[in-house]
Amino acid sequence: AVVSTQSTVISLPTSHALSVTDPEQSSFEVKEMESRIQKLKEELKMKKVEARKLLKEQQVRKKEALKSQENKLRKQIQTVTDVIEKQKKTISTKLRQQSHLKYRHHPRLQLE
């Protein structure tokens, strides 16, 4: 491909054409591209930092939710355990009362 510009003609063996008009403008364009690339690299770095921060925050929130769920289940277990103990105590008390009444009302079973 042959490209004609204001000041230079460049022949390229490939199908790509390169246009060079002014070395100062070309240098400026390169610096501008390098500057944009640097800004994009910084933006990418900041996005990665933000992504890591959000991931950590998500993990902390999940851990807090699991801890809360664990505590609620422990409280429920304790509540049920308390009910069981109360029921056992009530049953035990009733059994003792019944046993005591049996022995009281049967003269043969009373101890002298």
Protein backbone atom coordinates (compact mmCIF):
# COMPACT_ATOMS: atom_id res chain seq x y z
CA ALA A 1 0.00 0.00 0.00
CA VAL A 2 1.25 3.47 -0.86
CA VAL A 3 -0.05 6.40 1.11
CA SER A 4 0.53 9.95 0.07
CA THR A 5 0.44 12.64 2.72
CA GLN A 6 1.38 16.28 2.86
CA SER A 7 5.04 15.65 3.50
CA THR A 8 5.92 11.97 3.31
CA VAL A 9 5.13 8.89 1.22
CA ILE A 10 5.62 5.55 2.91
CA SER A 11 5.44 2.17 1.20
CA LEU A 12 4.40 -0.73 3.38
CA PRO A 13 4.67 -4.39 2.43
CA THR A 14 1.41 -5.17 4.24
CA SER A 15 -2.07 -3.82 3.75
CA HIS A 16 -1.60 -1.35 6.62
CA ALA A 17 -1.11 2.27 5.72
CA LEU A 18 0.81 4.64 7.97
CA SER A 19 0.40 8.35 7.67
CA VAL A 20 3.08 10.65 9.03
CA THR A 21 2.47 14.34 8.53
CA ASP A 22 4.58 16.04 11.16
CA PRO A 23 7.10 14.46 13.56
CA GLU A 24 6.03 16.83 16.36
CA GLN A 25 2.36 15.96 15.88
CA SER A 26 3.23 12.26 15.77
CA SER A 27 5.23 12.59 18.98
CA PHE A 28 2.30 14.45 20.56
CA GLU A 29 -0.10 11.69 19.49
CA VAL A 30 2.17 9.02 20.95
CA LYS A 31 2.46 10.92 24.24
CA GLU A 32 -1.31 11.41 24.25
CA MET A 33 -1.89 7.68 23.70
CA GLU A 34 0.63 6.81 26.40
CA SER A 35 -1.13 9.22 28.74
CA ARG A 36 -4.52 7.65 27.99
CA ILE A 37 -3.07 4.18 28.49
CA GLN A 38 -1.59 5.23 31.83
CA LYS A 39 -4.96 6.68 32.91
CA LEU A 40 -6.71 3.48 31.84
CA LYS A 41 -4.20 1.39 33.79
CA GLU A 42 -4.85 3.52 36.88
CA GLU A 43 -8.61 3.20 36.37
CA LEU A 44 -8.25 -0.58 36.06
CA LYS A 45 -6.16 -0.66 39.23
CA MET A 46 -8.78 1.36 41.11
CA LYS A 47 -11.59 -0.88 39.82
CA LYS A 48 -9.71 -3.97 40.98
CA VAL A 49 -9.20 -2.41 44.42
CA GLU A 50 -12.92 -1.56 44.57
CA ALA A 51 -13.86 -5.09 43.47
CA ARG A 52 -11.66 -6.63 46.19
CA LYS A 53 -13.13 -4.26 48.79
CA LEU A 54 -16.69 -5.16 47.76
CA LEU A 55 -15.86 -8.86 47.83
CA LYS A 56 -14.47 -8.54 51.36
CA GLU A 57 -17.53 -6.56 52.44
CA GLN A 58 -19.78 -9.23 50.95
CA GLN A 59 -17.88 -11.93 52.84
CA VAL A 60 -18.15 -9.97 56.11
CA ARG A 61 -21.90 -9.50 55.65
CA LYS A 62 -22.36 -13.18 54.85
CA LYS A 63 -20.37 -14.13 57.96
CA GLU A 64 -22.49 -11.75 60.07
CA ALA A 65 -25.69 -13.24 58.65
CA LEU A 66 -24.49 -16.76 59.41
CA LYS A 67 -23.47 -15.74 62.93
CA SER A 68 -26.92 -14.21 63.46
CA GLN A 69 -28.60 -17.36 62.18
CA GLU A 70 -26.40 -19.46 64.47
CA ASN A 71 -27.33 -17.33 67.50
CA LYS A 72 -31.05 -17.53 66.69
CA LEU A 73 -30.83 -21.32 66.43
CA ARG A 74 -28.93 -21.52 69.73
CA LYS A 75 -31.65 -19.42 71.41
CA GLN A 76 -34.37 -21.65 69.95
CA ILE A 77 -32.54 -24.75 71.16
CA GLN A 78 -32.19 -23.23 74.63
CA THR A 79 -35.89 -22.33 74.70
CA VAL A 80 -36.87 -25.89 73.75
CA THR A 81 -34.39 -27.30 76.26
CA ASP A 82 -35.94 -25.13 78.99
CA VAL A 83 -39.41 -26.40 78.05
CA ILE A 84 -38.17 -30.00 78.16
CA GLU A 85 -36.59 -29.51 81.59
CA LYS A 86 -39.75 -27.87 82.91
CA GLN A 87 -41.88 -30.73 81.58
CA LYS A 88 -39.54 -33.32 83.11
CA LYS A 89 -39.67 -31.55 86.45
CA THR A 90 -43.47 -31.36 86.31
CA ILE A 91 -43.72 -35.06 85.45
CA SER A 92 -41.27 -35.99 88.19
CA THR A 93 -43.16 -33.92 90.75
CA LYS A 94 -46.47 -35.51 89.74
CA LEU A 95 -45.00 -38.99 89.92
CA ARG A 96 -43.67 -38.35 93.42
CA GLN A 97 -47.01 -36.97 94.52
CA GLN A 98 -48.82 -39.98 93.08
CA SER A 99 -46.38 -42.37 94.72
CA HIS A 100 -46.75 -40.61 98.01
CA LEU A 101 -50.56 -40.73 97.75
CA LYS A 102 -50.53 -44.46 96.94
CA TYR A 103 -48.56 -45.27 100.03
CA ARG A 104 -50.67 -43.02 102.22
CA HIS A 105 -54.01 -44.51 101.21
CA HIS A 106 -53.02 -48.15 101.34
CA PRO A 107 -52.61 -49.27 104.95
CA ARG A 108 -50.73 -52.42 103.95
CA LEU A 109 -48.08 -50.35 102.13
CA GLN A 110 -47.48 -47.88 104.93
CA LEU A 111 -44.40 -48.26 106.96
CA GLU A 112 -44.77 -48.23 110.65
